[in-house]
Amino acid sequence: MKTRSTILVLIFTCLLFNLFAQGTDSDKILKSFHSISSHELLGFAKELSSEKYAGRLSGSPEYLEVAKWCAGKFEAWGIKAANKGSYFQYFKNEFSEVKSLGSVVYFNGTEKMFLEFPGDYLPGSNSASGNVEAELVYVGYGITAPELDYDDYKNVDVEGKIIILESGIPYSKNDPTMVKWTPYAYHREKFRNAVKHGAAGMIYASKIANPNTINLDGFIYAHVDAKVVEQIFTDAGKNYKAVKAQLKNMKVASFVLPAQQKIFIRAETEYFPEAQSCNVVGLIEGSDPGLKDEVLIIGGHLDGQGQMGEVVFPGALDNASGVSDILGAAKALANSEVKPKRSILFILIGGEECGLYGAKQYCNKPLFPIEKTKMMINLDMVGNGTGFFVTGAKTHTQLFKHFEEANNNFIHRKISTSEVRKNYGRPRSDASIFEDAGIKTFGLWTQGSVHPVYYHHPMDKINVLTPGIMEDAAKLLYIGVLGVANDTDL
């Protein structure tokens, strides 16, 4: 009588045979499957998050160094350079180096409040260098849109003042009307509009490290926590929550604060307008002469938020985790004795945090024809949790079935899914750029966080990662992508 463990092995082997096309060797697939190790993936994440790469700010010398490290891994595993013999696809990427934490001081007329980093404020990632002290004007969303009969600056004079600015726009429905508002949602547009109206500086009511802004000559700013803005409002005799509710109802709520209320901002930065960054691109060429011209893309952004003074933003979850999962799957696919019939392109994407630069560069200058690209799966923050979430899965069912079967048979994690939903607003992920280019795209995320999530924060270190789910993500990629690559019915 067979033992229970023997029966389980036989069931597992049979399932592998059923998953792939006839003639594949399940033992070989199983060998590569088990070669993926959480220990190795955590080692990748530790390297990517290390201080020597200074937070992987796209465009910086440190980013280019981490790109070289990743390319070295591809080369060592026999993954080919995908861009005419190069592992790199370059594009322009200006950036600012934040040389110190600077300082922010709030005066309420009788007292000074020295704001603390990072609890109260973060330096502006693209602030001009220098000092500014001035009275305050609240300008809501900072939007001037005459065609929409909306102007946050209509009844206030901000010349020489420091503005208090909110992120976002007053319109929230994801419908065709959103298209008219979308240009005003970009941070760069808000900043340019502030300078156009004569503002001397800004505190952004959005405390988040954000390279997706713009360096404007002489314009000094910092990000502050909502509790600081609430205190400023209270001192002015205003109710911050009530004012924000007014904004959400598309009613302008701008006002000049009492003259005794002031802000001082000190920033120390250096701007590099001619810098460049890159995507890291590696290729496993398909083994089938009739299918190798078709390609599957596995991608995730390599860049992070950089460094502020001596403080590094490691970006372990966002997105060393996703890149590490991709590297684990790439190594398994490269070493797999069962070869993919279609080609597999790995893209470690640059410039995501700066404005989806790398994704736009690839889709504008694809290395494979868009019509030959059968799928793109994007990994972002896939390293802390108990289950998976896959966007687009309910729409692209013929592709997703390979991942679903892989999970049901071997991974056994909860997977939630959604259909493709048209986004009328500002795109927020690399996946949306590939999707808009006409490529069937999935977004792979984790859900059910085990550790705290420090989004764009210096505490986003490797101790917030869950190695077990990273291993399962890489295994899911390996089996799912190999299944799609060898599906002759696509």
Protein backbone atom coordinates (compact mmCIF):
# COMPACT_ATOMS: atom_id res chain seq x y z
CA MET A 1 0.00 0.00 0.00
CA LYS A 2 1.44 3.34 -1.04
CA THR A 3 2.18 5.86 1.69
CA ARG A 4 0.28 9.16 1.78
CA SER A 5 3.43 11.12 0.75
CA THR A 6 3.97 8.88 -2.25
CA ILE A 7 0.38 9.40 -3.37
CA LEU A 8 0.76 13.18 -3.05
CA VAL A 9 3.91 13.11 -5.18
CA LEU A 10 2.09 11.10 -7.84
CA ILE A 11 -0.86 13.52 -7.82
CA PHE A 12 1.50 16.49 -8.05
CA THR A 13 3.34 14.93 -11.00
CA CYS A 14 0.10 14.14 -12.83
CA LEU A 15 -1.14 17.67 -12.40
CA LEU A 16 2.08 18.99 -13.89
CA PHE A 17 1.63 16.70 -16.89
CA ASN A 18 -1.90 18.01 -17.40
CA LEU A 19 -0.85 21.63 -17.09
CA PHE A 20 1.53 21.73 -20.01
CA ALA A 21 1.45 20.58 -23.61
CA GLN A 22 2.14 16.96 -24.50
CA GLY A 23 5.73 15.87 -24.46
CA THR A 24 6.96 18.13 -21.63
CA ASP A 25 8.88 16.56 -18.81
CA SER A 26 7.15 17.18 -15.47
CA ASP A 27 10.25 16.24 -13.48
CA LYS A 28 12.20 18.98 -15.23
CA ILE A 29 9.45 21.51 -14.56
CA LEU A 30 9.32 20.43 -10.93
CA LYS A 31 13.08 20.81 -10.63
CA SER A 32 13.00 24.44 -11.78
CA PHE A 33 9.91 25.14 -9.67
CA HIS A 34 11.71 24.07 -6.51
CA SER A 35 14.89 25.94 -7.43
CA ILE A 36 13.13 29.21 -6.55
CA SER A 37 14.15 30.10 -3.01
CA SER A 38 12.78 32.73 -0.63
CA HIS A 39 16.29 33.03 0.81
CA GLU A 40 17.72 33.98 -2.58
CA LEU A 41 14.86 36.39 -3.33
CA LEU A 42 15.36 38.14 0.00
CA GLY A 43 19.05 38.41 -0.87
CA PHE A 44 18.14 40.15 -4.13
CA ALA A 45 15.88 42.56 -2.24
CA LYS A 46 18.61 43.24 0.32
CA GLU A 47 21.05 44.14 -2.46
CA LEU A 48 18.57 46.37 -4.28
CA SER A 49 17.67 48.16 -1.04
CA SER A 50 21.23 48.68 0.13
CA GLU A 51 22.55 52.16 0.89
CA LYS A 52 25.12 52.06 -1.93
CA TYR A 53 22.28 52.53 -4.43
CA ALA A 54 20.93 55.56 -2.50
CA GLY A 55 17.27 54.69 -2.99
CA ARG A 56 17.58 53.97 -6.75
CA LEU A 57 16.42 57.42 -7.89
CA SER A 58 15.91 57.22 -11.64
CA GLY A 59 18.50 59.28 -13.50
CA SER A 60 21.03 59.22 -10.68
CA PRO A 61 24.45 57.53 -10.94
CA GLU A 62 23.34 55.09 -8.25
CA TYR A 63 20.34 54.02 -10.31
CA LEU A 64 22.60 53.31 -13.28
CA GLU A 65 24.78 51.18 -10.99
CA VAL A 66 21.87 49.07 -9.77
CA ALA A 67 20.76 48.69 -13.40
CA LYS A 68 24.22 47.29 -14.20
CA TRP A 69 23.94 44.86 -11.27
CA CYS A 70 20.62 43.54 -12.59
CA ALA A 71 22.01 43.26 -16.11
CA GLY A 72 24.91 41.27 -14.66
CA LYS A 73 22.43 38.77 -13.23
CA PHE A 74 20.73 38.40 -16.60
CA GLU A 75 24.08 37.83 -18.27
CA ALA A 76 25.18 35.27 -15.68
CA TRP A 77 21.97 33.28 -16.23
CA GLY A 78 22.33 33.29 -20.02
CA ILE A 79 19.50 35.75 -20.61
CA LYS A 80 20.34 37.72 -23.74
CA ALA A 81 20.72 41.48 -24.04
CA ALA A 82 17.47 42.47 -25.74
CA ASN A 83 18.25 45.87 -27.24
CA LYS A 84 20.58 45.25 -30.18
CA GLY A 85 23.22 43.66 -27.96
CA SER A 86 22.62 45.95 -24.99
CA TYR A 87 20.81 45.28 -21.74
CA PHE A 88 19.83 48.95 -21.53
CA GLN A 89 17.18 51.09 -23.18
CA TYR A 90 18.06 54.70 -22.35
CA PHE A 91 15.85 57.78 -22.06
CA LYS A 92 16.15 61.32 -20.72
CA ASN A 93 15.39 61.59 -17.00
CA GLU A 94 16.10 64.85 -15.19
CA PHE A 95 16.38 64.60 -11.42
CA SER A 96 17.32 66.58 -8.32
CA GLU A 97 19.68 65.46 -5.58
CA VAL A 98 18.34 66.43 -2.15
CA LYS A 99 21.57 67.23 -0.33
CA SER A 100 20.12 67.77 3.16
CA LEU A 101 16.86 67.46 5.04
CA GLY A 102 16.55 71.24 5.07
CA SER A 103 14.02 72.58 7.56
CA VAL A 104 10.45 73.83 7.88
CA VAL A 105 9.34 76.22 10.61
CA TYR A 106 5.80 77.41 11.24
CA PHE A 107 5.11 80.75 12.99
CA ASN A 108 1.62 81.32 14.39
CA GLY A 109 2.31 84.85 15.66
CA THR A 110 3.41 83.97 19.18
CA GLU A 111 5.18 80.62 18.84
CA LYS A 112 7.47 78.74 16.51
CA MET A 113 6.84 75.14 15.52
CA PHE A 114 9.96 73.39 14.24
CA LEU A 115 8.67 70.59 12.07
CA GLU A 116 10.34 67.20 12.45
CA PHE A 117 11.45 64.83 9.69
CA PRO A 118 9.83 62.48 8.70
CA GLY A 119 6.80 62.73 10.96
CA ASP A 120 5.85 66.32 10.09
CA TYR A 121 7.51 67.01 6.74
CA LEU A 122 9.60 65.71 3.87
CA PRO A 123 11.85 67.89 1.69
CA GLY A 124 10.60 68.58 -1.82
CA SER A 125 12.19 66.04 -4.15
CA ASN A 126 12.58 68.68 -6.88
CA SER A 127 12.59 71.87 -4.83
CA ALA A 128 14.87 74.70 -5.86
CA SER A 129 17.74 75.32 -3.47
CA GLY A 130 17.53 78.21 -1.01
CA ASN A 131 15.37 79.75 1.73
CA VAL A 132 11.94 81.31 1.68
CA GLU A 133 9.82 82.86 4.44
CA ALA A 134 6.42 84.38 3.76
CA GLU A 135 2.77 84.70 4.71
CA LEU A 136 0.37 81.94 3.73
CA VAL A 137 -2.44 81.55 1.22
CA TYR A 138 -4.56 78.43 0.90
CA VAL A 139 -5.27 77.66 -2.77
CA GLY A 140 -7.11 74.34 -2.59
CA TYR A 141 -6.16 72.18 -5.57
CA GLY A 142 -4.24 75.04 -7.21
CA ILE A 143 -6.12 74.66 -10.50
CA THR A 144 -6.90 77.32 -13.09
CA ALA A 145 -9.20 75.82 -15.72
CA PRO A 146 -11.28 78.53 -17.45
CA GLU A 147 -12.87 76.02 -19.83
CA LEU A 148 -14.24 74.21 -16.77
CA ASP A 149 -15.25 77.46 -15.03
CA TYR A 150 -12.93 76.67 -12.14
CA ASP A 151 -10.11 78.76 -10.66
CA ASP A 152 -8.62 78.27 -7.21
CA TYR A 153 -6.68 81.53 -7.61
CA LYS A 154 -9.70 83.66 -8.60
CA ASN A 155 -10.15 85.61 -5.36
CA VAL A 156 -6.67 85.46 -3.79
CA ASP A 157 -3.34 87.17 -4.41
CA VAL A 158 -0.39 84.82 -3.92
CA GLU A 159 2.36 87.14 -5.20
CA GLY A 160 5.40 86.61 -2.96
CA LYS A 161 3.44 84.29 -0.63
CA ILE A 162 3.80 80.64 0.32
CA ILE A 163 0.80 78.65 -0.85
CA ILE A 164 -0.79 75.65 0.85
CA LEU A 165 -1.70 73.20 -1.91
CA GLU A 166 -3.76 70.02 -2.04
CA SER A 167 -3.03 67.09 -4.35
CA GLY A 168 -5.72 65.81 -6.70
CA ILE A 169 -8.67 67.41 -8.47
CA PRO A 170 -12.26 68.19 -7.43
CA TYR A 171 -13.82 65.71 -9.89
CA SER A 172 -13.83 62.08 -8.74
CA LYS A 173 -15.99 60.04 -11.16
CA ASN A 174 -14.11 57.75 -13.55
CA ASP A 175 -16.07 58.78 -16.65
CA PRO A 176 -15.46 60.77 -19.86
CA THR A 177 -15.79 64.09 -17.97
CA MET A 178 -12.69 63.10 -16.00
CA VAL A 179 -10.66 63.47 -19.21
CA LYS A 180 -11.21 67.24 -19.11
CA TRP A 181 -9.86 67.43 -15.56
CA THR A 182 -6.95 65.03 -15.94
CA PRO A 183 -4.35 67.53 -17.23
CA TYR A 184 -4.79 69.50 -14.00
CA ALA A 185 -4.12 66.46 -11.81
CA TYR A 186 -0.40 66.42 -12.60
CA HIS A 187 1.92 67.82 -9.96
CA ARG A 188 3.96 69.59 -12.63
CA GLU A 189 0.91 71.50 -13.87
CA LYS A 190 0.07 72.59 -10.33
CA PHE A 191 3.63 73.79 -9.71
CA ARG A 192 3.81 75.73 -12.98
CA ASN A 193 0.48 77.35 -12.24
CA ALA A 194 1.68 78.41 -8.78
CA VAL A 195 4.78 80.07 -10.24
CA LYS A 196 2.68 81.69 -12.96
CA HIS A 197 0.60 83.34 -10.23
CA GLY A 198 3.71 84.58 -8.43
CA ALA A 199 3.95 82.19 -5.48
CA ALA A 200 7.35 82.27 -3.77
CA GLY A 201 7.09 78.81 -2.23
CA MET A 202 4.74 76.04 -1.23
CA ILE A 203 3.86 73.52 1.41
CA TYR A 204 2.21 70.55 -0.24
CA ALA A 205 -0.50 68.96 1.94
CA SER A 206 0.69 65.54 0.81
CA LYS A 207 3.51 64.13 2.92
CA ILE A 208 5.03 61.72 0.47
CA ALA A 209 8.46 61.41 -1.11
CA ASN A 210 7.65 62.17 -4.73
CA PRO A 211 10.13 62.57 -7.60
CA ASN A 212 7.15 63.02 -9.97
CA THR A 213 7.32 66.80 -9.65
CA ILE A 214 9.34 69.52 -11.37
CA ASN A 215 12.27 71.78 -10.54
CA LEU A 216 11.35 75.40 -11.21
CA ASP A 217 13.90 78.17 -10.80
CA GLY A 218 13.56 79.75 -7.35
CA PHE A 219 10.46 77.78 -6.34
CA ILE A 220 11.05 76.22 -2.91
CA TYR A 221 8.68 73.73 -1.40
CA ALA A 222 8.25 70.92 1.13
CA HIS A 223 5.67 68.21 1.79
CA VAL A 224 3.84 68.43 5.13
CA ASP A 225 1.61 66.10 7.09
CA ALA A 226 -2.13 66.75 7.23
CA LYS A 227 -1.96 67.32 10.99
CA VAL A 228 0.32 70.31 10.39
CA VAL A 229 -2.13 71.84 7.94
CA GLU A 230 -4.95 71.17 10.37
CA GLN A 231 -3.05 73.08 13.08
CA ILE A 232 -2.48 76.00 10.71
CA PHE A 233 -6.19 76.08 9.92
CA THR A 234 -7.16 75.90 13.60
CA ASP A 235 -4.87 78.84 14.36
CA ALA A 236 -6.61 80.76 11.56
CA GLY A 237 -10.04 79.96 12.95
CA LYS A 238 -10.86 77.57 10.09
CA ASN A 239 -12.10 73.99 10.02
CA TYR A 240 -9.79 72.01 7.74
CA LYS A 241 -12.17 69.05 7.29
CA ALA A 242 -15.03 71.37 6.36
CA VAL A 243 -12.89 73.20 3.81
CA LYS A 244 -11.77 69.92 2.22
CA ALA A 245 -15.39 68.79 2.03
CA GLN A 246 -16.21 72.03 0.24
CA LEU A 247 -13.44 71.33 -2.28
CA LYS A 248 -14.79 67.85 -2.98
CA ASN A 249 -18.12 69.45 -3.84
CA MET A 250 -16.28 71.43 -6.54
CA LYS A 251 -16.55 74.70 -4.63
CA VAL A 252 -13.45 76.91 -4.55
CA ALA A 253 -12.32 77.40 -0.95
CA SER A 254 -9.19 79.56 -1.26
CA PHE A 255 -8.40 82.23 1.34
CA VAL A 256 -5.58 84.38 2.69
CA LEU A 257 -4.45 83.40 6.18
CA PRO A 258 -3.84 86.00 8.93
CA ALA A 259 -0.62 87.96 8.41
CA GLN A 260 0.96 86.69 11.65
CA GLN A 261 0.95 83.14 10.30
CA LYS A 262 4.10 82.40 8.31
CA ILE A 263 6.20 79.49 7.10
CA PHE A 264 9.98 79.27 6.67
CA ILE A 265 11.39 76.64 4.31
CA ARG A 266 15.05 75.83 3.77
CA ALA A 267 16.01 73.49 0.93
CA GLU A 268 19.39 72.30 -0.32
CA THR A 269 19.27 70.58 -3.70
CA GLU A 270 21.19 70.21 -6.95
CA TYR A 271 19.35 69.88 -10.25
CA PHE A 272 20.56 67.68 -13.14
CA PRO A 273 18.43 68.59 -16.18
CA GLU A 274 20.41 66.53 -18.72
CA ALA A 275 20.52 63.22 -16.85
CA GLN A 276 19.40 59.96 -18.39
CA SER A 277 18.03 56.69 -17.06
CA CYS A 278 17.26 53.31 -18.55
CA ASN A 279 15.14 50.20 -18.64
CA VAL A 280 17.02 46.93 -18.15
CA VAL A 281 15.92 44.51 -20.88
CA GLY A 282 16.74 40.80 -21.06
CA LEU A 283 15.43 38.15 -23.46
CA ILE A 284 14.87 34.41 -23.42
CA GLU A 285 14.35 33.56 -27.07
CA GLY A 286 11.51 31.20 -27.87
CA SER A 287 12.36 27.64 -28.92
CA ASP A 288 9.62 27.24 -31.53
CA PRO A 289 10.52 28.61 -35.00
CA GLY A 290 6.89 29.50 -35.66
CA LEU A 291 6.19 31.15 -32.28
CA LYS A 292 9.46 32.73 -31.16
CA ASP A 293 8.58 36.05 -32.82
CA GLU A 294 5.75 36.37 -30.33
CA VAL A 295 6.71 37.72 -26.93
CA LEU A 296 5.50 37.76 -23.34
CA ILE A 297 6.68 40.62 -21.12
CA ILE A 298 7.40 40.40 -17.39
CA GLY A 299 8.09 43.83 -15.93
CA GLY A 300 8.29 45.92 -12.79
CA HIS A 301 9.83 49.25 -11.89
CA LEU A 302 13.39 49.22 -10.63
CA ASP A 303 13.57 52.84 -9.45
CA GLY A 304 12.69 54.28 -6.05
CA GLN A 305 12.44 57.62 -4.28
CA GLY A 306 16.14 58.22 -3.75
CA GLN A 307 17.87 59.78 -0.78
CA MET A 308 17.28 62.95 1.27
CA GLY A 309 20.45 64.14 2.90
CA GLU A 310 21.88 61.13 4.68
CA VAL A 311 18.50 59.39 4.83
CA VAL A 312 17.96 56.67 2.22
CA PHE A 313 14.49 55.61 1.10
CA PRO A 314 15.30 51.91 0.57
CA GLY A 315 12.16 51.06 -1.42
CA ALA A 316 12.16 47.43 -0.27
CA LEU A 317 8.47 46.76 -0.84
CA ASP A 318 8.15 49.47 -3.50
CA ASN A 319 9.61 47.93 -5.58
CA ALA A 320 12.66 45.86 -4.73
CA SER A 321 10.15 43.12 -3.91
CA GLY A 322 8.63 43.04 -7.40
CA VAL A 323 12.03 43.16 -9.10
CA SER A 324 13.33 40.36 -6.87
CA ASP A 325 10.33 38.21 -7.78
CA ILE A 326 11.03 38.87 -11.46
CA LEU A 327 14.70 37.96 -11.03
CA GLY A 328 13.73 34.71 -9.31
CA ALA A 329 11.36 33.77 -12.12
CA ALA A 330 13.89 34.86 -14.75
CA LYS A 331 16.57 32.60 -13.32
CA ALA A 332 14.17 29.65 -13.18
CA LEU A 333 12.98 30.21 -16.74
CA ALA A 334 16.55 30.63 -18.00
CA ASN A 335 17.67 27.41 -16.32
CA SER A 336 14.52 25.44 -17.09
CA GLU A 337 15.05 22.32 -19.14
CA VAL A 338 11.51 22.83 -20.48
CA LYS A 339 11.97 25.74 -22.87
CA PRO A 340 9.32 28.35 -23.68
CA LYS A 341 8.08 28.23 -27.27
CA ARG A 342 7.40 31.97 -27.30
CA SER A 343 10.02 34.52 -26.36
CA ILE A 344 10.03 36.08 -22.90
CA LEU A 345 11.17 39.67 -22.40
CA PHE A 346 12.09 40.93 -18.94
CA ILE A 347 11.88 44.70 -18.43
CA LEU A 348 13.12 46.25 -15.20
CA ILE A 349 11.55 49.64 -15.71
CA GLY A 350 13.15 52.99 -14.93
CA GLY A 351 11.50 56.33 -14.24
CA GLU A 352 8.23 54.98 -12.85
CA GLU A 353 8.34 57.20 -9.79
CA CYS A 354 9.25 60.20 -11.97
CA GLY A 355 6.26 59.87 -14.29
CA LEU A 356 6.18 56.39 -15.90
CA TYR A 357 9.09 57.42 -18.16
CA GLY A 358 10.48 53.94 -18.80
CA ALA A 359 7.13 52.38 -19.67
CA LYS A 360 6.41 55.22 -22.08
CA GLN A 361 9.87 54.82 -23.64
CA TYR A 362 9.33 51.11 -24.25
CA CYS A 363 5.82 51.50 -25.67
CA ASN A 364 6.98 54.34 -27.94
CA LYS A 365 10.01 52.33 -29.09
CA PRO A 366 9.10 48.66 -28.51
CA LEU A 367 11.75 46.01 -29.00
CA PHE A 368 9.06 43.66 -30.33
CA PRO A 369 6.04 44.71 -32.43
CA ILE A 370 3.03 45.51 -30.26
CA GLU A 371 0.87 43.17 -32.35
CA LYS A 372 3.31 40.31 -31.58
CA THR A 373 3.23 41.00 -27.85
CA LYS A 374 0.79 38.52 -26.36
CA MET A 375 0.88 39.63 -22.74
CA MET A 376 2.49 41.95 -20.21
CA ILE A 377 2.45 41.21 -16.48
CA ASN A 378 3.54 44.04 -14.19
CA LEU A 379 4.74 43.48 -10.62
CA ASP A 380 4.59 46.32 -8.12
CA MET A 381 4.81 45.91 -4.35
CA VAL A 382 4.61 42.10 -4.50
CA GLY A 383 6.32 41.24 -1.26
CA ASN A 384 4.19 41.77 1.85
CA GLY A 385 1.02 39.80 2.42
CA THR A 386 -0.85 36.52 2.38
CA GLY A 387 -2.55 36.55 -1.01
CA PHE A 388 -2.45 37.94 -4.53
CA PHE A 389 -4.53 40.43 -6.46
CA VAL A 390 -4.44 40.35 -10.27
CA THR A 391 -5.93 43.22 -12.24
CA GLY A 392 -7.17 42.41 -15.74
CA ALA A 393 -7.58 38.70 -15.00
CA LYS A 394 -11.35 38.65 -15.50
CA THR A 395 -10.93 40.17 -18.96
CA HIS A 396 -7.98 38.15 -20.26
CA THR A 397 -9.26 34.76 -19.12
CA GLN A 398 -7.47 32.66 -21.73
CA LEU A 399 -4.16 33.97 -20.47
CA PHE A 400 -5.01 34.04 -16.78
CA LYS A 401 -6.15 30.40 -16.71
CA HIS A 402 -2.49 29.34 -16.71
CA PHE A 403 -1.80 31.37 -13.58
CA GLU A 404 -5.04 30.27 -11.94
CA GLU A 405 -4.26 26.60 -12.56
CA ALA A 406 -0.72 27.10 -11.30
CA ASN A 407 -2.03 28.61 -8.08
CA ASN A 408 -4.81 26.06 -7.59
CA ASN A 409 -2.50 23.11 -8.15
CA PHE A 410 0.77 24.22 -6.58
CA ILE A 411 0.73 27.58 -4.76
CA HIS A 412 -2.60 27.56 -2.91
CA ARG A 413 -2.79 31.28 -2.17
CA LYS A 414 -5.95 33.35 -2.24
CA ILE A 415 -6.13 35.24 -5.54
CA SER A 416 -8.58 38.10 -6.03
CA THR A 417 -9.12 39.41 -9.55
CA SER A 418 -10.68 42.26 -11.47
CA GLU A 419 -11.52 43.05 -15.07
CA VAL A 420 -9.80 45.69 -17.19
CA ARG A 421 -11.36 49.02 -16.30
CA LYS A 422 -10.79 52.01 -18.51
CA ASN A 423 -9.05 54.78 -16.60
CA TYR A 424 -10.11 58.26 -17.67
CA GLY A 425 -7.79 59.93 -15.17
CA ARG A 426 -4.06 60.25 -14.71
CA PRO A 427 -2.32 56.88 -15.17
CA ARG A 428 -0.65 55.73 -11.96
CA SER A 429 1.22 52.56 -12.94
CA ASP A 430 3.43 51.18 -15.68
CA ALA A 431 0.74 48.59 -16.42
CA SER A 432 -1.64 51.32 -17.61
CA ILE A 433 0.90 52.50 -20.21
CA PHE A 434 1.27 49.01 -21.71
CA GLU A 435 -2.49 48.56 -21.60
CA ASP A 436 -3.08 51.85 -23.42
CA ALA A 437 -0.57 50.73 -26.06
CA GLY A 438 -2.85 47.81 -26.92
CA ILE A 439 -1.11 45.04 -24.98
CA LYS A 440 -3.10 42.62 -22.83
CA THR A 441 -1.86 43.51 -19.38
CA PHE A 442 -2.06 42.08 -15.87
CA GLY A 443 -1.04 43.81 -12.68
CA LEU A 444 0.20 41.46 -9.95
CA TRP A 445 0.00 42.75 -6.37
CA THR A 446 -0.11 41.26 -2.89
CA GLN A 447 -2.92 41.70 -0.39
CA GLY A 448 -3.41 40.99 3.31
CA SER A 449 -0.32 42.82 4.57
CA VAL A 450 1.60 40.99 7.29
CA HIS A 451 3.88 43.91 8.18
CA PRO A 452 3.28 47.69 8.18
CA VAL A 453 3.36 49.31 4.74
CA TYR A 454 5.66 52.35 4.69
CA TYR A 455 4.74 53.90 1.36
CA HIS A 456 7.48 56.21 0.01
CA HIS A 457 9.01 56.29 3.47
CA PRO A 458 12.52 55.67 4.86
CA MET A 459 11.13 52.76 6.91
CA ASP A 460 10.39 50.77 3.73
CA LYS A 461 13.18 48.30 4.57
CA ILE A 462 13.55 44.57 3.93
CA ASN A 463 12.13 43.74 7.38
CA VAL A 464 8.65 44.65 5.99
CA LEU A 465 8.89 41.89 3.38
CA THR A 466 7.26 38.47 3.57
CA PRO A 467 9.77 36.07 1.94
CA GLY A 468 7.24 33.26 1.60
CA ILE A 469 4.87 35.20 -0.62
CA MET A 470 7.79 36.49 -2.69
CA GLU A 471 8.81 32.90 -3.36
CA ASP A 472 5.25 32.01 -4.31
CA ALA A 473 5.00 35.04 -6.61
CA ALA A 474 8.15 33.97 -8.46
CA LYS A 475 6.84 30.39 -8.71
CA LEU A 476 3.49 31.65 -9.96
CA LEU A 477 5.31 33.65 -12.63
CA TYR A 478 7.47 30.69 -13.63
CA ILE A 479 4.64 28.20 -14.12
CA GLY A 480 2.07 30.71 -15.39
CA VAL A 481 4.35 32.34 -17.96
CA LEU A 482 5.71 29.00 -19.15
CA GLY A 483 2.14 27.81 -19.56
CA VAL A 484 1.21 30.83 -21.69
CA ALA A 485 4.46 30.61 -23.67
CA ASN A 486 3.68 27.01 -24.62
CA ASP A 487 -0.03 27.38 -25.23
CA THR A 488 -0.44 26.69 -28.96
CA ASP A 489 -4.16 27.60 -28.81
CA LEU A 490 -3.59 31.32 -28.13
